[in-house]
Every structure is written in C-alpha cells, then in structure tokens.
Amino acid sequence: MEAENHTEASQFLLLGLSDDPELQPILCGVFLSMYLFTVLGNLLIIVAIISDSHLHTPMYFFLANLSFVDICFTSTTVPKMLVNIQAQRKTISYIGCLIQVYFTMIFSGMDHCILTVMAYDRYVAICHPLYYMVIMNPRFCGTLVLISWFIIVSVSLLHILLMRQLTFCIGTEIPHFFCELTQTLKVACSDYFINTIVLNVATAIMGVFPLMGILFSYSRIVSSLMRMSSARGKYKAFSTCGSHLSVVSLFYGTGLGVHLSSALTHSSLQNSIASVMYAVVTPMLNPFIYSLRNKDVKGALRRLLNLAAPCL
C-alpha cells in the first residue's frame, strides 16, 4: 500500500470491540452508563472534598486530584467510541488520534504519580506522625503535583514528536477502541524502533519507579506497625491505607493485564478487553472504593446530599 505523510484530512479506522451490529446498542448503553457513573462519582468526590473543611488535608487533596485525572482519562477515550457507535462509523482523524495518544499517556501517567505521592503521604502520616503537617504542608503537596504534571507532559510530548516522524498507510486500521500508543505504533508503515526504545524506557521510569516507591513506602509502614504494641493502634493506622491499597491493586493489576495481554497474545479482542478494565472500569470504581471504605468521605457526601436535597 502507498504510504503518505499525514495531514488533518488523514483518517484511521478504530476497529472497536465488536463488528456485530446487534451488539452495538448494548455496547453503547454499557459504556455510556459506565462513563456517567465515572464522571458523577468522581465529581461527587471532588465537590465533597472542596466543600467540607474536615477534608482539607493532604490525603484528600491528592484524592481530589486523582478523581480529576480519572474523569479526564475516561473522557479522552469513551466519548469518541460512543460517537462512532451512534454514527455507525469507525473513523478518527490523524490529529484526533495523536490527541488521544497524548492525553491517554498524560492521564495514565498522572495516575501512577498521584498513587505514588499518596503512598508517601501515608508513610509520613504513620511513620512520622509528629512531623506530618510540617512535612506535608500545602506548598509541598502542590509542588509534588506540579512536578508530576511537568514530567508526564514532557514525556508524553516526546512520544508525540517521535510519532510525527512516522508514516502510515492509507486506510490504516487500529485494532482497538481508542488510539493507544503501542497499538498505533504497530500499524505504522515506517520503522518505529526508536519509538519502541523510548516507550520501553518511559514505561520503566514512569511505571516501575512509582511502583517501587509505593512498595518502599508500604514496607516502611509495615515495619513501623510491627513495632506498635497496641493491636487497636495497628488496625487504626493501617485502616487509613485500605482504600489506597485497593486502588493501587486495581490500577496496577489491570495495567499489568494490559501489558501481559499485549505481549503474550496477538488477539486484538483480548487486548481491548484488558484495556477496558484499565482505562474505563478502574476510574469508575475508584470513587466507590474511597466512599465505601472511608467514614470521612461518606460523612462529607452525606452532608453534601443533605444540602442539595432542598434544591431538588
């Protein structure tokens, strides 16, 4: 096939999850429901944290940022898929595909960073409680988030600049429901060896290092808890980590599933299903995990709903 440089008129074909016309309305309904639950749940968490002074602490500051990132992450992929299903088409422009790749990398990377920062926050709270408010002061917390944004945006921009050097064949088909970087590189008509090297290095830095930071933080937490004499004190201290551990397990578990599925199988359907768990299901479940396991968040949500009830 003839290869050509891209213009704004160039298009890719997103093959999606199924070609069966009978499944399209079901997929549309399921993903629309999941998207609405994700946006509503995470928005409630953000509004509850902003409106309740009891939640103006570092832990909930990071949680609000995580909820914001999860809304953006899902909004980068699901709406375009829903539009394509409703319009019965599979096209996405070249520029639109680059935008999807760019923002999915940014928001997935920010998930890694924020979860790591939240683990550090729990480490300081449990291992150095007397210095917690001194160390985790608002300026320091804001700086951690800003540095994370700067690093992730820069790394993602590097990937996009390298992708701009690639050429793609006319009628390129991407076996996915959104433009995921790895799947998009695989359908390039030019050599993407440099892109692969940069991707592997970035994955090691932005995936492995944050996970190591989380594991280190929790190893120190467990070590500190083991030195406590009170069983009640141990439970109370570790219970503050329960929601975070659940989210970390879900996020890294589904993320590992995506990478293993991509490496061990050539089935585009299995890769897409694994990506659904990572990019759609996890952001939807996060607010439920934090609201169900956290008395402070449940109390804030209850007060928020009580205030909103007279207006309904």
Protein backbone atom coordinates (compact mmCIF):
# COMPACT_ATOMS: atom_id res chain seq x y z
CA MET A 1 0.00 0.00 0.00
CA GLU A 2 1.10 3.53 -0.66
CA ALA A 3 2.44 5.42 2.35
CA GLU A 4 1.91 9.14 2.75
CA ASN A 5 2.64 11.89 5.23
CA HIS A 6 -0.36 12.84 7.31
CA THR A 7 -2.48 15.94 7.01
CA GLU A 8 -5.53 16.91 9.03
CA ALA A 9 -7.69 15.07 6.45
CA SER A 10 -5.94 11.73 7.04
CA GLN A 11 -8.01 9.14 8.90
CA PHE A 12 -7.54 5.90 10.77
CA LEU A 13 -10.10 3.19 11.39
CA LEU A 14 -10.75 2.17 15.01
CA LEU A 15 -11.99 -1.42 14.85
CA GLY A 16 -13.54 -1.22 18.34
CA LEU A 17 -14.70 -4.16 20.42
CA SER A 18 -17.12 -5.87 18.03
CA ASP A 19 -18.37 -5.75 14.43
CA ASP A 20 -21.68 -7.39 15.34
CA PRO A 21 -24.45 -4.81 14.64
CA GLU A 22 -26.68 -6.42 17.27
CA LEU A 23 -24.06 -5.78 19.96
CA GLN A 24 -23.58 -2.11 19.11
CA PRO A 25 -26.62 -0.77 21.06
CA ILE A 26 -25.65 -2.94 24.05
CA LEU A 27 -22.05 -1.70 23.98
CA CYS A 28 -23.27 1.87 23.66
CA GLY A 29 -25.59 1.52 26.66
CA VAL A 30 -22.98 -0.23 28.82
CA PHE A 31 -20.17 2.24 28.10
CA LEU A 32 -22.45 5.27 28.39
CA SER A 33 -23.58 4.05 31.83
CA MET A 34 -20.01 3.38 32.93
CA TYR A 35 -18.89 6.79 31.70
CA LEU A 36 -21.71 8.60 33.50
CA PHE A 37 -21.00 6.68 36.72
CA THR A 38 -17.30 7.57 36.41
CA VAL A 39 -17.91 11.28 35.89
CA LEU A 40 -20.66 11.57 38.51
CA GLY A 41 -18.82 9.51 41.15
CA ASN A 42 -15.52 11.35 40.78
CA LEU A 43 -17.23 14.75 40.62
CA LEU A 44 -19.04 13.98 43.88
CA ILE A 45 -15.70 13.12 45.50
CA ILE A 46 -14.16 16.39 44.28
CA VAL A 47 -17.12 18.55 45.37
CA ALA A 48 -17.32 16.80 48.76
CA ILE A 49 -13.62 17.42 49.41
CA ILE A 50 -13.80 21.07 48.34
CA SER A 51 -16.98 21.80 50.33
CA ASP A 52 -16.05 20.02 53.59
CA SER A 53 -13.35 21.70 55.69
CA HIS A 54 -12.70 18.42 57.53
CA LEU A 55 -11.30 17.02 54.28
CA HIS A 56 -8.86 19.86 53.62
CA THR A 57 -5.88 17.62 54.35
CA PRO A 58 -3.04 16.36 52.11
CA MET A 59 -4.58 12.90 51.71
CA TYR A 60 -7.86 14.27 50.36
CA PHE A 61 -6.08 16.92 48.29
CA PHE A 62 -4.35 14.08 46.42
CA LEU A 63 -7.62 12.14 46.23
CA ALA A 64 -9.34 15.12 44.57
CA ASN A 65 -6.50 15.27 42.03
CA LEU A 66 -6.84 11.53 41.40
CA SER A 67 -10.59 11.92 40.79
CA PHE A 68 -9.96 14.80 38.37
CA VAL A 69 -7.40 12.74 36.44
CA ASP A 70 -9.76 9.75 36.29
CA ILE A 71 -12.53 11.92 34.79
CA CYS A 72 -10.12 13.24 32.16
CA PHE A 73 -8.69 9.79 31.45
CA THR A 74 -12.09 8.28 30.69
CA SER A 75 -13.25 11.37 28.78
CA THR A 76 -10.31 11.03 26.41
CA THR A 77 -11.45 7.65 25.08
CA VAL A 78 -15.09 6.77 25.79
CA PRO A 79 -16.98 9.72 24.20
CA LYS A 80 -15.29 9.18 20.81
CA MET A 81 -16.17 5.48 20.93
CA LEU A 82 -19.81 6.32 21.76
CA VAL A 83 -19.99 8.81 18.89
CA ASN A 84 -18.60 6.23 16.46
CA ILE A 85 -21.10 3.61 17.62
CA GLN A 86 -24.04 6.00 17.30
CA ALA A 87 -22.89 7.26 13.89
CA GLN A 88 -22.08 3.71 12.77
CA ARG A 89 -18.58 4.64 11.71
CA LYS A 90 -15.07 3.79 12.85
CA THR A 91 -13.02 6.73 11.67
CA ILE A 92 -10.77 9.03 13.65
CA SER A 93 -8.64 11.79 12.14
CA TYR A 94 -4.88 11.64 12.32
CA ILE A 95 -4.79 14.71 14.57
CA GLY A 96 -7.57 13.26 16.71
CA CYS A 97 -5.59 10.04 17.08
CA LEU A 98 -2.47 11.96 18.15
CA ILE A 99 -4.55 13.89 20.69
CA GLN A 100 -5.93 10.63 22.11
CA VAL A 101 -2.44 9.12 22.37
CA TYR A 102 -1.10 12.27 24.03
CA PHE A 103 -3.79 12.67 26.65
CA THR A 104 -4.15 8.97 27.49
CA MET A 105 -0.41 8.92 28.21
CA ILE A 106 -0.68 12.06 30.34
CA PHE A 107 -3.60 10.90 32.45
CA SER A 108 -2.44 7.30 32.88
CA GLY A 109 0.98 8.63 33.86
CA MET A 110 -0.58 11.03 36.35
CA ASP A 111 -2.46 8.10 37.91
CA HIS A 112 0.91 6.45 38.56
CA CYS A 113 2.38 9.62 40.05
CA ILE A 114 -0.57 10.52 42.28
CA LEU A 115 -0.87 6.99 43.66
CA THR A 116 2.85 7.12 44.48
CA VAL A 117 2.50 10.50 46.20
CA MET A 118 -0.48 9.18 48.17
CA ALA A 119 1.63 6.23 49.34
CA TYR A 120 4.32 8.67 50.50
CA ASP A 121 1.65 10.68 52.31
CA ARG A 122 0.53 7.56 54.22
CA TYR A 123 4.17 6.74 55.00
CA VAL A 124 4.75 10.16 56.58
CA ALA A 125 1.41 10.04 58.44
CA ILE A 126 2.12 6.65 60.03
CA CYS A 127 5.91 6.65 60.41
CA HIS A 128 6.41 10.33 61.27
CA PRO A 129 3.04 11.50 62.69
CA LEU A 130 4.51 14.33 64.78
CA TYR A 131 6.06 15.93 61.70
CA TYR A 132 3.23 15.14 59.31
CA MET A 133 1.77 18.64 58.95
CA VAL A 134 5.25 20.14 58.78
CA ILE A 135 6.42 17.82 56.01
CA MET A 136 3.15 17.56 54.07
CA ASN A 137 2.43 21.29 54.07
CA PRO A 138 0.19 22.75 51.31
CA ARG A 139 3.12 24.21 49.39
CA PHE A 140 4.98 20.90 49.33
CA CYS A 141 1.85 18.98 48.28
CA GLY A 142 1.16 21.43 45.46
CA THR A 143 4.78 21.22 44.33
CA LEU A 144 4.61 17.40 44.16
CA VAL A 145 1.54 17.55 41.93
CA LEU A 146 3.00 20.28 39.68
CA ILE A 147 6.28 18.39 39.25
CA SER A 148 4.32 15.26 38.34
CA TRP A 149 2.36 17.18 35.69
CA PHE A 150 5.55 18.69 34.26
CA ILE A 151 7.34 15.34 33.96
CA ILE A 152 4.37 13.48 32.48
CA VAL A 153 3.50 16.23 29.98
CA SER A 154 7.15 16.40 28.84
CA VAL A 155 7.49 12.63 28.39
CA SER A 156 4.16 12.42 26.54
CA LEU A 157 5.17 15.28 24.25
CA LEU A 158 8.38 13.42 23.37
CA HIS A 159 6.32 10.39 22.28
CA ILE A 160 4.10 12.58 20.10
CA LEU A 161 7.08 14.30 18.45
CA LEU A 162 8.55 10.90 17.61
CA MET A 163 5.18 9.68 16.27
CA ARG A 164 5.05 12.70 13.97
CA GLN A 165 8.11 11.30 12.19
CA LEU A 166 6.30 8.08 11.27
CA THR A 167 4.26 7.42 8.16
CA PHE A 168 1.09 5.35 7.97
CA CYS A 169 -0.52 3.55 5.06
CA ILE A 170 -3.80 4.68 3.54
CA GLY A 171 -6.74 3.01 5.29
CA THR A 172 -4.74 2.15 8.43
CA GLU A 173 -6.77 0.03 10.86
CA ILE A 174 -6.10 0.19 14.61
CA PRO A 175 -7.39 -2.97 16.38
CA HIS A 176 -8.61 -1.07 19.41
CA PHE A 177 -11.44 1.17 20.59
CA PHE A 178 -9.09 4.15 21.01
CA CYS A 179 -5.65 5.24 19.79
CA GLU A 180 -3.41 3.51 22.31
CA LEU A 181 0.30 4.22 21.75
CA THR A 182 1.53 0.63 21.44
CA GLN A 183 -1.25 -0.43 19.07
CA THR A 184 -0.80 2.71 16.96
CA LEU A 185 2.95 2.15 16.59
CA LYS A 186 2.36 -1.44 15.43
CA VAL A 187 0.37 -0.27 12.39
CA ALA A 188 2.96 2.29 11.24
CA CYS A 189 4.37 1.77 7.75
CA SER A 190 7.80 3.16 8.67
CA ASP A 191 10.36 1.89 11.15
CA TYR A 192 9.41 2.63 14.77
CA PHE A 193 12.44 1.11 16.50
CA ILE A 194 13.40 4.41 18.19
CA ASN A 195 9.80 4.89 19.34
CA THR A 196 9.85 1.43 20.92
CA ILE A 197 13.09 2.12 22.78
CA VAL A 198 11.75 5.43 24.14
CA LEU A 199 8.47 3.74 25.06
CA ASN A 200 10.24 0.96 26.99
CA VAL A 201 12.47 3.43 28.82
CA ALA A 202 9.49 5.67 29.66
CA THR A 203 7.49 2.65 30.86
CA ALA A 204 10.34 1.62 33.13
CA ILE A 205 10.71 5.11 34.55
CA MET A 206 7.04 6.09 34.82
CA GLY A 207 5.70 2.63 35.68
CA VAL A 208 8.35 0.68 37.56
CA PHE A 209 9.81 3.52 39.63
CA PRO A 210 6.43 4.69 41.01
CA LEU A 211 5.57 1.09 41.88
CA MET A 212 8.92 0.74 43.66
CA GLY A 213 8.13 3.95 45.55
CA ILE A 214 4.77 2.55 46.63
CA LEU A 215 6.30 -0.76 47.72
CA PHE A 216 9.04 1.05 49.65
CA SER A 217 6.51 3.28 51.41
CA TYR A 218 4.39 0.33 52.48
CA SER A 219 7.42 -1.70 53.57
CA ARG A 220 8.29 1.16 55.93
CA ILE A 221 4.66 1.39 57.06
CA VAL A 222 4.51 -2.33 57.84
CA SER A 223 7.85 -2.12 59.67
CA SER A 224 6.55 0.78 61.75
CA LEU A 225 3.28 -1.02 62.54
CA MET A 226 5.15 -4.13 63.66
CA ARG A 227 6.85 -2.06 66.37
CA MET A 228 3.48 -0.88 67.75
CA SER A 229 2.35 -2.66 70.89
CA SER A 230 -1.35 -1.87 70.59
CA ALA A 231 -3.35 -4.06 68.20
CA ARG A 232 -6.03 -1.37 68.05
CA GLY A 233 -3.41 1.22 67.14
CA LYS A 234 -2.11 -1.03 64.36
CA TYR A 235 -5.59 -1.51 62.93
CA LYS A 236 -6.46 2.18 63.13
CA ALA A 237 -3.21 3.22 61.45
CA PHE A 238 -3.37 0.64 58.68
CA SER A 239 -7.09 1.18 58.05
CA THR A 240 -6.24 4.61 56.64
CA CYS A 241 -4.30 2.77 53.91
CA GLY A 242 -7.06 0.33 52.96
CA SER A 243 -8.69 2.40 50.22
CA HIS A 244 -5.36 3.40 48.72
CA LEU A 245 -4.13 -0.20 48.68
CA SER A 246 -7.35 -1.30 46.97
CA VAL A 247 -6.99 1.34 44.26
CA VAL A 248 -3.27 0.56 43.78
CA SER A 249 -4.02 -3.16 43.44
CA LEU A 250 -6.81 -2.49 40.94
CA PHE A 251 -4.79 0.03 38.91
CA TYR A 252 -1.55 -1.94 38.69
CA GLY A 253 -3.37 -5.26 38.36
CA THR A 254 -5.34 -4.12 35.31
CA GLY A 255 -2.30 -2.27 33.93
CA LEU A 256 -0.23 -5.44 34.21
CA GLY A 257 -3.04 -7.31 32.49
CA VAL A 258 -2.87 -4.89 29.54
CA HIS A 259 0.90 -5.33 29.12
CA LEU A 260 0.81 -9.12 29.53
CA SER A 261 -2.10 -9.39 27.11
CA SER A 262 -0.23 -7.28 24.56
CA ALA A 263 3.00 -9.28 24.98
CA LEU A 264 1.61 -12.81 25.19
CA THR A 265 -1.28 -12.74 22.74
CA HIS A 266 -1.96 -11.30 19.29
CA SER A 267 -5.70 -11.24 19.89
CA SER A 268 -6.92 -7.68 19.43
CA LEU A 269 -10.14 -8.50 21.30
CA GLN A 270 -8.28 -9.68 24.42
CA ASN A 271 -6.06 -6.58 24.30
CA SER A 272 -9.12 -4.33 24.02
CA ILE A 273 -10.93 -6.05 26.90
CA ALA A 274 -7.84 -5.70 29.10
CA SER A 275 -7.66 -2.00 28.17
CA VAL A 276 -11.35 -1.56 29.07
CA MET A 277 -10.55 -2.78 32.59
CA TYR A 278 -7.61 -0.39 32.82
CA ALA A 279 -8.99 2.73 31.16
CA VAL A 280 -12.73 2.52 31.96
CA VAL A 281 -13.52 0.17 34.83
CA THR A 282 -10.76 1.29 37.22
CA PRO A 283 -11.63 5.05 37.07
CA MET A 284 -15.29 4.12 37.62
CA LEU A 285 -14.57 2.01 40.71
CA ASN A 286 -12.15 4.40 42.44
CA PRO A 287 -14.79 6.76 43.92
CA PHE A 288 -16.85 3.79 45.15
CA ILE A 289 -13.78 2.29 46.84
CA TYR A 290 -12.98 5.54 48.65
CA SER A 291 -16.58 6.34 49.57
CA LEU A 292 -17.42 2.84 50.83
CA ARG A 293 -14.23 2.32 52.85
CA ASN A 294 -13.78 5.83 54.25
CA LYS A 295 -16.02 7.22 57.01
CA ASP A 296 -14.85 10.81 56.44
CA VAL A 297 -15.73 10.72 52.75
CA LYS A 298 -19.09 9.05 53.45
CA GLY A 299 -19.87 11.72 56.03
CA ALA A 300 -18.93 14.52 53.63
CA LEU A 301 -21.04 13.00 50.85
CA ARG A 302 -23.99 12.63 53.23
CA ARG A 303 -23.75 16.29 54.28
CA LEU A 304 -23.41 17.34 50.64
CA LEU A 305 -26.51 15.41 49.61
CA ASN A 306 -28.46 16.82 52.56
CA LEU A 307 -27.57 20.35 51.42
CA ALA A 308 -28.56 19.56 47.84
CA ALA A 309 -31.84 17.82 48.74
CA PRO A 310 -33.92 21.04 49.28
CA CYS A 311 -32.82 22.29 45.86
CA LEU A 312 -34.14 19.21 44.05
